Amino acid sequence: QKQAAAVYAATKLPEYKTTLPGNKNVFLSPFVGRLDDRGENGMSFIKNVLAMYETSDHHVEVLTASVRTLDHFMAALAVGSDIITAPFNVLKAWAESGVKIPDKNFMYKTENLKDIPYQNLDLNKDWTSFDIYHDLTDSGLDRFATDANNLLSS
């Protein structure tokens, strides 16, 4: 959540809000499936970030990524994710279920996943004051760099 606060704080300046209509050219893309893989409830993280941004100017949109199941997808809709990336099989399952839009009372089946506690963070602080280290970020960047280098050397 500190990364989400830092993204907001770093991009709240006018020079970052000029690209897209409505000044929404900043996207935060948490990978909920990767959090779930390590026993953490990725959807609770999405809910926390959306709650933290609730009273903001909404210049950062939350893109729920690494959606793996119809439950993930439905939970992302229920909590109000701005954007959701989902594989074809999840979208097909949603279509087959009638393209229903869940309300805020939708119950996401967390099974044995541990909720990620909400942190009350000040979005007006300087972005550099937030500790943005997270091991999943480092491993994700390493994989991205490896993939990019493999593509370029092909």
N, C-alpha and C. Protein backbone atom coordinates (compact mmCIF):
# COMPACT_ATOMS: atom_id res chain seq x y z
N GLN A 1 0.82 -1.19 0.00
CA GLN A 1 0.00 0.00 0.00
C GLN A 1 0.87 1.26 0.00
N LYS A 2 2.07 1.13 0.57
CA LYS A 2 2.98 2.27 0.54
C LYS A 2 3.41 2.60 -0.88
N GLN A 3 3.56 1.58 -1.72
CA GLN A 3 3.87 1.83 -3.13
C GLN A 3 2.73 2.60 -3.80
N ALA A 4 1.49 2.22 -3.50
CA ALA A 4 0.33 2.90 -4.07
C ALA A 4 0.28 4.35 -3.61
N ALA A 5 0.61 4.60 -2.35
CA ALA A 5 0.65 5.98 -1.84
C ALA A 5 1.75 6.77 -2.53
N ALA A 6 2.91 6.14 -2.72
CA ALA A 6 4.02 6.82 -3.38
C ALA A 6 3.68 7.16 -4.83
N VAL A 7 3.02 6.24 -5.53
CA VAL A 7 2.61 6.50 -6.92
C VAL A 7 1.68 7.71 -6.96
N TYR A 8 0.71 7.72 -6.06
CA TYR A 8 -0.21 8.85 -6.01
C TYR A 8 0.54 10.15 -5.75
N ALA A 9 1.38 10.14 -4.71
CA ALA A 9 2.08 11.37 -4.32
C ALA A 9 3.03 11.85 -5.41
N ALA A 10 3.71 10.93 -6.08
CA ALA A 10 4.68 11.30 -7.11
C ALA A 10 4.03 11.85 -8.36
N THR A 11 2.76 11.53 -8.57
CA THR A 11 2.10 11.91 -9.83
C THR A 11 0.98 12.93 -9.64
N LYS A 12 0.89 13.53 -8.47
CA LYS A 12 -0.20 14.48 -8.24
C LYS A 12 0.12 15.87 -8.78
N LEU A 13 1.34 16.09 -9.24
CA LEU A 13 1.71 17.39 -9.78
C LEU A 13 1.08 17.62 -11.15
N PRO A 14 0.74 18.83 -11.49
CA PRO A 14 0.04 19.13 -12.75
C PRO A 14 0.75 18.58 -14.00
N GLU A 15 2.06 18.57 -14.02
CA GLU A 15 2.77 18.11 -15.23
C GLU A 15 2.53 16.63 -15.53
N TYR A 16 2.04 15.87 -14.55
CA TYR A 16 1.75 14.45 -14.78
C TYR A 16 0.30 14.23 -15.20
N LYS A 17 -0.50 15.27 -15.21
CA LYS A 17 -1.93 15.11 -15.45
C LYS A 17 -2.38 15.76 -16.75
N THR A 18 -1.64 15.56 -17.83
CA THR A 18 -1.97 16.27 -19.06
C THR A 18 -2.23 15.37 -20.25
N THR A 19 -2.03 14.07 -20.13
CA THR A 19 -2.07 13.20 -21.29
C THR A 19 -3.47 12.79 -21.73
N LEU A 20 -4.23 12.21 -20.87
CA LEU A 20 -5.54 11.67 -21.23
C LEU A 20 -6.68 12.57 -20.78
N PRO A 21 -7.83 12.48 -21.47
CA PRO A 21 -8.99 13.26 -21.01
C PRO A 21 -9.32 12.90 -19.56
N GLY A 22 -9.70 13.88 -18.81
CA GLY A 22 -10.02 13.66 -17.40
C GLY A 22 -8.78 13.56 -16.53
N ASN A 23 -7.62 13.84 -17.09
CA ASN A 23 -6.36 13.82 -16.35
C ASN A 23 -6.05 12.48 -15.70
N LYS A 24 -6.49 11.40 -16.30
CA LYS A 24 -6.22 10.08 -15.73
C LYS A 24 -5.23 9.36 -16.63
N ASN A 25 -3.98 9.61 -16.38
CA ASN A 25 -2.95 8.96 -17.17
C ASN A 25 -1.98 8.18 -16.29
N VAL A 26 -2.39 7.88 -15.07
CA VAL A 26 -1.55 7.13 -14.15
C VAL A 26 -2.32 5.89 -13.73
N PHE A 27 -1.64 4.75 -13.84
CA PHE A 27 -2.28 3.48 -13.51
C PHE A 27 -1.44 2.73 -12.49
N LEU A 28 -2.09 2.19 -11.49
CA LEU A 28 -1.46 1.33 -10.52
C LEU A 28 -1.93 -0.08 -10.84
N SER A 29 -1.00 -1.03 -10.95
CA SER A 29 -1.35 -2.36 -11.43
C SER A 29 -0.92 -3.46 -10.47
N PRO A 30 -1.65 -3.64 -9.37
CA PRO A 30 -1.31 -4.72 -8.44
C PRO A 30 -1.64 -6.09 -9.04
N PHE A 31 -0.74 -7.04 -8.84
CA PHE A 31 -0.90 -8.40 -9.34
C PHE A 31 -1.51 -9.26 -8.23
N VAL A 32 -2.83 -9.36 -8.22
CA VAL A 32 -3.51 -10.04 -7.13
C VAL A 32 -3.20 -11.54 -7.07
N GLY A 33 -3.01 -12.16 -8.22
CA GLY A 33 -2.70 -13.59 -8.25
C GLY A 33 -1.37 -13.90 -7.59
N ARG A 34 -0.41 -13.02 -7.78
CA ARG A 34 0.91 -13.25 -7.15
C ARG A 34 0.84 -13.10 -5.64
N LEU A 35 0.01 -12.17 -5.17
CA LEU A 35 -0.17 -12.06 -3.72
C LEU A 35 -0.86 -13.30 -3.18
N ASP A 36 -1.88 -13.77 -3.89
CA ASP A 36 -2.57 -15.00 -3.48
C ASP A 36 -1.60 -16.18 -3.43
N ASP A 37 -0.68 -16.25 -4.41
CA ASP A 37 0.29 -17.35 -4.46
C ASP A 37 1.09 -17.46 -3.17
N ARG A 38 1.31 -16.35 -2.50
CA ARG A 38 2.10 -16.38 -1.27
C ARG A 38 1.23 -16.36 -0.03
N GLY A 39 -0.07 -16.64 -0.21
CA GLY A 39 -0.96 -16.78 0.93
C GLY A 39 -1.60 -15.50 1.41
N GLU A 40 -1.44 -14.42 0.64
CA GLU A 40 -2.04 -13.14 1.00
C GLU A 40 -3.25 -12.89 0.12
N ASN A 41 -4.27 -12.26 0.65
CA ASN A 41 -5.49 -11.97 -0.09
C ASN A 41 -5.26 -10.74 -0.95
N GLY A 42 -4.95 -10.98 -2.23
CA GLY A 42 -4.68 -9.88 -3.15
C GLY A 42 -5.85 -8.93 -3.31
N MET A 43 -7.08 -9.47 -3.20
CA MET A 43 -8.25 -8.61 -3.33
C MET A 43 -8.42 -7.68 -2.13
N SER A 44 -7.93 -8.09 -0.96
CA SER A 44 -7.99 -7.16 0.18
C SER A 44 -7.04 -5.98 -0.06
N PHE A 45 -5.96 -6.24 -0.77
CA PHE A 45 -5.04 -5.15 -1.12
C PHE A 45 -5.73 -4.16 -2.07
N ILE A 46 -6.43 -4.67 -3.08
CA ILE A 46 -7.15 -3.80 -4.02
C ILE A 46 -8.16 -2.95 -3.25
N LYS A 47 -8.89 -3.59 -2.37
CA LYS A 47 -9.89 -2.88 -1.56
C LYS A 47 -9.23 -1.78 -0.73
N ASN A 48 -8.07 -2.09 -0.13
CA ASN A 48 -7.35 -1.10 0.68
C ASN A 48 -6.93 0.11 -0.16
N VAL A 49 -6.39 -0.15 -1.34
CA VAL A 49 -5.92 0.96 -2.19
C VAL A 49 -7.10 1.82 -2.63
N LEU A 50 -8.17 1.18 -3.05
CA LEU A 50 -9.35 1.94 -3.46
C LEU A 50 -9.89 2.78 -2.29
N ALA A 51 -9.87 2.23 -1.09
CA ALA A 51 -10.31 2.99 0.10
C ALA A 51 -9.37 4.16 0.35
N MET A 52 -8.07 3.93 0.20
CA MET A 52 -7.09 5.00 0.42
C MET A 52 -7.28 6.12 -0.60
N TYR A 53 -7.60 5.77 -1.83
CA TYR A 53 -7.79 6.76 -2.89
C TYR A 53 -9.18 7.41 -2.87
N GLU A 54 -10.08 6.90 -2.05
CA GLU A 54 -11.48 7.35 -2.05
C GLU A 54 -11.63 8.86 -1.95
N THR A 55 -10.88 9.50 -1.09
CA THR A 55 -11.03 10.95 -0.90
C THR A 55 -9.99 11.75 -1.68
N SER A 56 -9.30 11.08 -2.62
CA SER A 56 -8.27 11.76 -3.41
C SER A 56 -8.89 12.43 -4.63
N ASP A 57 -8.05 12.95 -5.50
CA ASP A 57 -8.55 13.56 -6.74
C ASP A 57 -8.76 12.52 -7.85
N HIS A 58 -8.49 11.27 -7.56
CA HIS A 58 -8.73 10.14 -8.47
C HIS A 58 -7.91 10.20 -9.75
N HIS A 59 -6.73 10.79 -9.70
CA HIS A 59 -5.91 10.83 -10.91
C HIS A 59 -5.17 9.50 -11.16
N VAL A 60 -5.16 8.62 -10.17
CA VAL A 60 -4.56 7.30 -10.34
C VAL A 60 -5.70 6.28 -10.46
N GLU A 61 -5.64 5.48 -11.52
CA GLU A 61 -6.64 4.42 -11.69
C GLU A 61 -6.02 3.09 -11.26
N VAL A 62 -6.85 2.25 -10.66
CA VAL A 62 -6.39 0.95 -10.18
C VAL A 62 -6.74 -0.12 -11.21
N LEU A 63 -5.70 -0.76 -11.74
CA LEU A 63 -5.83 -1.83 -12.71
C LEU A 63 -5.56 -3.14 -11.98
N THR A 64 -6.59 -3.92 -11.75
CA THR A 64 -6.43 -5.20 -11.07
C THR A 64 -5.86 -6.20 -12.07
N ALA A 65 -4.65 -6.66 -11.82
CA ALA A 65 -3.94 -7.54 -12.75
C ALA A 65 -3.73 -8.92 -12.14
N SER A 66 -3.36 -9.85 -13.00
CA SER A 66 -3.09 -11.24 -12.60
C SER A 66 -4.33 -11.89 -12.03
N VAL A 67 -5.50 -11.51 -12.60
CA VAL A 67 -6.76 -12.13 -12.23
C VAL A 67 -6.74 -13.55 -12.78
N ARG A 68 -7.03 -14.51 -11.93
CA ARG A 68 -6.91 -15.91 -12.34
C ARG A 68 -8.20 -16.70 -12.33
N THR A 69 -9.18 -16.19 -11.60
CA THR A 69 -10.43 -16.95 -11.46
C THR A 69 -11.62 -16.01 -11.64
N LEU A 70 -12.78 -16.62 -11.86
CA LEU A 70 -14.00 -15.83 -11.95
C LEU A 70 -14.26 -15.12 -10.62
N ASP A 71 -13.91 -15.75 -9.52
CA ASP A 71 -14.06 -15.11 -8.20
C ASP A 71 -13.21 -13.84 -8.10
N HIS A 72 -11.96 -13.91 -8.56
CA HIS A 72 -11.10 -12.71 -8.60
C HIS A 72 -11.81 -11.61 -9.40
N PHE A 73 -12.26 -11.98 -10.58
CA PHE A 73 -12.88 -11.02 -11.50
C PHE A 73 -14.11 -10.38 -10.85
N MET A 74 -14.98 -11.20 -10.28
CA MET A 74 -16.20 -10.70 -9.65
C MET A 74 -15.87 -9.80 -8.46
N ALA A 75 -14.86 -10.19 -7.68
CA ALA A 75 -14.45 -9.37 -6.53
C ALA A 75 -13.91 -8.02 -7.00
N ALA A 76 -13.15 -8.03 -8.09
CA ALA A 76 -12.61 -6.77 -8.63
C ALA A 76 -13.74 -5.85 -9.09
N LEU A 77 -14.76 -6.42 -9.71
CA LEU A 77 -15.93 -5.62 -10.09
C LEU A 77 -16.64 -5.09 -8.84
N ALA A 78 -16.81 -5.95 -7.86
CA ALA A 78 -17.56 -5.59 -6.65
C ALA A 78 -16.90 -4.44 -5.88
N VAL A 79 -15.58 -4.44 -5.82
CA VAL A 79 -14.91 -3.38 -5.06
C VAL A 79 -14.69 -2.11 -5.87
N GLY A 80 -14.97 -2.17 -7.18
CA GLY A 80 -14.90 -0.97 -8.00
C GLY A 80 -13.57 -0.73 -8.68
N SER A 81 -12.85 -1.78 -9.03
CA SER A 81 -11.60 -1.61 -9.79
C SER A 81 -11.89 -0.81 -11.05
N ASP A 82 -10.98 0.09 -11.40
CA ASP A 82 -11.16 0.90 -12.59
C ASP A 82 -10.99 0.07 -13.87
N ILE A 83 -10.02 -0.84 -13.83
CA ILE A 83 -9.68 -1.66 -14.99
C ILE A 83 -9.34 -3.05 -14.46
N ILE A 84 -9.65 -4.07 -15.24
CA ILE A 84 -9.32 -5.45 -14.86
C ILE A 84 -8.72 -6.14 -16.07
N THR A 85 -7.56 -6.77 -15.89
CA THR A 85 -7.03 -7.63 -16.95
C THR A 85 -7.32 -9.06 -16.53
N ALA A 86 -7.90 -9.82 -17.46
CA ALA A 86 -8.29 -11.19 -17.15
C ALA A 86 -8.06 -12.06 -18.38
N PRO A 87 -7.69 -13.32 -18.16
CA PRO A 87 -7.51 -14.23 -19.30
C PRO A 87 -8.85 -14.62 -19.92
N PHE A 88 -8.77 -15.13 -21.14
CA PHE A 88 -9.97 -15.50 -21.88
C PHE A 88 -10.87 -16.45 -21.09
N ASN A 89 -10.30 -17.46 -20.43
CA ASN A 89 -11.14 -18.43 -19.72
C ASN A 89 -11.97 -17.79 -18.62
N VAL A 90 -11.45 -16.75 -17.98
CA VAL A 90 -12.22 -16.04 -16.94
C VAL A 90 -13.33 -15.22 -17.58
N LEU A 91 -13.02 -14.54 -18.67
CA LEU A 91 -14.05 -13.75 -19.36
C LEU A 91 -15.13 -14.66 -19.94
N LYS A 92 -14.74 -15.83 -20.43
CA LYS A 92 -15.71 -16.79 -20.96
C LYS A 92 -16.62 -17.29 -19.84
N ALA A 93 -16.04 -17.61 -18.69
CA ALA A 93 -16.84 -18.06 -17.55
C ALA A 93 -17.82 -16.98 -17.11
N TRP A 94 -17.38 -15.72 -17.14
CA TRP A 94 -18.26 -14.60 -16.79
C TRP A 94 -19.41 -14.50 -17.78
N ALA A 95 -19.09 -14.60 -19.07
CA ALA A 95 -20.13 -14.56 -20.10
C ALA A 95 -21.12 -15.70 -19.91
N GLU A 96 -20.61 -16.88 -19.63
CA GLU A 96 -21.47 -18.06 -19.45
C GLU A 96 -22.34 -17.96 -18.20
N SER A 97 -21.90 -17.16 -17.24
CA SER A 97 -22.68 -16.98 -16.01
C SER A 97 -23.70 -15.85 -16.15
N GLY A 98 -23.77 -15.24 -17.35
CA GLY A 98 -24.78 -14.21 -17.58
C GLY A 98 -24.28 -12.79 -17.48
N VAL A 99 -22.97 -12.59 -17.45
CA VAL A 99 -22.35 -11.26 -17.38
C VAL A 99 -22.94 -10.44 -16.24
N LYS A 100 -23.06 -11.09 -15.12
CA LYS A 100 -23.61 -10.42 -13.94
C LYS A 100 -22.59 -9.48 -13.32
N ILE A 101 -23.07 -8.36 -12.84
CA ILE A 101 -22.24 -7.39 -12.12
C ILE A 101 -22.58 -7.52 -10.64
N PRO A 102 -21.62 -7.93 -9.83
CA PRO A 102 -21.91 -8.10 -8.40
C PRO A 102 -22.02 -6.75 -7.71
N ASP A 103 -22.78 -6.75 -6.62
CA ASP A 103 -22.84 -5.53 -5.82
C ASP A 103 -21.74 -5.57 -4.75
N LYS A 104 -21.69 -4.56 -3.93
CA LYS A 104 -20.64 -4.46 -2.91
C LYS A 104 -20.73 -5.53 -1.84
N ASN A 105 -21.81 -6.28 -1.81
CA ASN A 105 -21.98 -7.36 -0.83
C ASN A 105 -21.42 -8.69 -1.32
N PHE A 106 -20.84 -8.69 -2.51
CA PHE A 106 -20.26 -9.92 -3.05
C PHE A 106 -19.23 -10.48 -2.07
N MET A 107 -19.30 -11.76 -1.82
CA MET A 107 -18.36 -12.39 -0.88
C MET A 107 -17.28 -13.13 -1.66
N TYR A 108 -16.08 -12.62 -1.61
CA TYR A 108 -14.94 -13.26 -2.25
C TYR A 108 -14.47 -14.41 -1.37
N LYS A 109 -14.34 -15.59 -1.95
CA LYS A 109 -13.92 -16.77 -1.20
C LYS A 109 -12.41 -16.72 -0.98
N THR A 110 -12.02 -16.38 0.22
CA THR A 110 -10.59 -16.20 0.52
C THR A 110 -9.90 -17.49 0.92
N GLU A 111 -10.68 -18.54 1.21
CA GLU A 111 -10.12 -19.82 1.65
C GLU A 111 -9.11 -19.60 2.76
N ASN A 112 -7.84 -19.89 2.52
CA ASN A 112 -6.82 -19.75 3.57
C ASN A 112 -5.94 -18.53 3.37
N LEU A 113 -6.43 -17.55 2.61
CA LEU A 113 -5.63 -16.37 2.35
C LEU A 113 -5.72 -15.39 3.52
N LYS A 114 -4.59 -14.81 3.85
CA LYS A 114 -4.51 -13.84 4.95
C LYS A 114 -4.81 -12.44 4.40
N ASP A 115 -5.77 -11.75 5.03
CA ASP A 115 -6.07 -10.38 4.62
C ASP A 115 -4.86 -9.48 4.84
N ILE A 116 -4.69 -8.53 3.97
CA ILE A 116 -3.63 -7.54 4.09
C ILE A 116 -4.23 -6.35 4.83
N PRO A 117 -3.70 -6.00 5.98
CA PRO A 117 -4.32 -4.92 6.77
C PRO A 117 -4.22 -3.57 6.09
N TYR A 118 -5.24 -2.76 6.28
CA TYR A 118 -5.28 -1.40 5.76
C TYR A 118 -4.27 -0.53 6.52
N GLN A 119 -3.59 0.32 5.77
CA GLN A 119 -2.66 1.28 6.39
C GLN A 119 -3.19 2.69 6.13
N ASN A 120 -3.33 3.47 7.16
CA ASN A 120 -3.78 4.84 7.00
C ASN A 120 -2.57 5.70 6.64
N LEU A 121 -2.43 6.00 5.35
CA LEU A 121 -1.26 6.73 4.85
C LEU A 121 -1.66 8.11 4.35
N ASP A 122 -0.78 9.07 4.53
CA ASP A 122 -1.02 10.45 4.12
C ASP A 122 -0.56 10.63 2.67
N LEU A 123 -1.51 10.79 1.76
CA LEU A 123 -1.19 10.95 0.33
C LEU A 123 -0.57 12.30 0.01
N ASN A 124 -0.52 13.19 0.98
CA ASN A 124 0.08 14.50 0.75
C ASN A 124 1.57 14.54 1.09
N LYS A 125 2.08 13.45 1.64
CA LYS A 125 3.51 13.39 1.94
C LYS A 125 4.32 13.31 0.65
N ASP A 126 5.58 13.66 0.73
CA ASP A 126 6.48 13.52 -0.41
C ASP A 126 6.62 12.03 -0.74
N TRP A 127 6.60 11.71 -2.01
CA TRP A 127 6.61 10.29 -2.40
C TRP A 127 7.86 9.57 -1.91
N THR A 128 8.96 10.29 -1.77
CA THR A 128 10.20 9.64 -1.34
C THR A 128 10.19 9.25 0.13
N SER A 129 9.19 9.71 0.87
CA SER A 129 9.10 9.36 2.29
C SER A 129 8.52 7.96 2.51
N PHE A 130 7.96 7.35 1.46
CA PHE A 130 7.36 6.03 1.58
C PHE A 130 8.39 4.94 1.29
N ASP A 131 8.41 3.91 2.11
CA ASP A 131 9.26 2.75 1.86
C ASP A 131 8.57 1.91 0.79
N ILE A 132 9.10 1.93 -0.43
CA ILE A 132 8.42 1.25 -1.55
C ILE A 132 9.00 -0.12 -1.87
N TYR A 133 9.90 -0.62 -1.04
CA TYR A 133 10.46 -1.95 -1.30
C TYR A 133 9.40 -3.03 -1.11
N HIS A 134 9.38 -3.96 -2.04
CA HIS A 134 8.57 -5.18 -1.89
C HIS A 134 9.24 -6.26 -2.72
N ASP A 135 9.42 -7.43 -2.15
CA ASP A 135 10.13 -8.50 -2.85
C ASP A 135 9.44 -8.91 -4.15
N LEU A 136 8.11 -8.86 -4.22
CA LEU A 136 7.43 -9.21 -5.47
C LEU A 136 7.73 -8.19 -6.57
N THR A 137 7.92 -6.93 -6.20
CA THR A 137 8.28 -5.92 -7.19
C THR A 137 9.65 -6.24 -7.78
N ASP A 138 10.60 -6.56 -6.92
CA ASP A 138 11.95 -6.89 -7.40
C ASP A 138 11.93 -8.12 -8.30
N SER A 139 11.24 -9.17 -7.90
CA SER A 139 11.21 -10.38 -8.72
C SER A 139 10.47 -10.13 -10.02
N GLY A 140 9.42 -9.34 -9.99
CA GLY A 140 8.69 -9.01 -11.21
C GLY A 140 9.52 -8.19 -12.19
N LEU A 141 10.28 -7.23 -11.66
CA LEU A 141 11.15 -6.44 -12.53
C LEU A 141 12.27 -7.30 -13.12
N ASP A 142 12.79 -8.23 -12.32
CA ASP A 142 13.81 -9.15 -12.84
C ASP A 142 13.26 -9.98 -13.98
N ARG A 143 12.04 -10.52 -13.81
CA ARG A 143 11.42 -11.32 -14.88
C ARG A 143 11.16 -10.47 -16.12
N PHE A 144 10.69 -9.25 -15.92
CA PHE A 144 10.44 -8.35 -17.05
C PHE A 144 11.73 -8.08 -17.81
N ALA A 145 12.80 -7.76 -17.08
CA ALA A 145 14.08 -7.47 -17.74
C ALA A 145 14.59 -8.68 -18.50
N THR A 146 14.47 -9.86 -17.91
CA THR A 146 14.90 -11.09 -18.59
C THR A 146 14.10 -11.30 -19.86
N ASP A 147 12.78 -11.16 -19.77
CA ASP A 147 11.93 -11.32 -20.95
C ASP A 147 12.28 -10.30 -22.04
N ALA A 148 12.48 -9.04 -21.64
CA ALA A 148 12.81 -8.00 -22.60
C ALA A 148 14.16 -8.27 -23.26
N ASN A 149 15.14 -8.67 -22.47
CA ASN A 149 16.46 -8.99 -23.03
C ASN A 149 16.40 -10.19 -23.97
N ASN A 150 15.63 -11.21 -23.61
CA ASN A 150 15.47 -12.37 -24.49
C ASN A 150 14.80 -11.99 -25.80
N LEU A 151 13.82 -11.11 -25.73
CA LEU A 151 13.13 -10.65 -26.93
C LEU A 151 14.07 -9.86 -27.83
N LEU A 152 14.86 -8.97 -27.22
CA LEU A 152 15.77 -8.14 -28.00
C LEU A 152 16.93 -8.94 -28.60
N SER A 153 17.32 -10.01 -27.95
CA SER A 153 18.45 -10.81 -28.47
C SER A 153 17.98 -11.87 -29.46
N SER A 154 16.68 -12.01 -29.64
CA SER A 154 16.15 -13.01 -30.59
C SER A 154 16.30 -12.57 -32.03
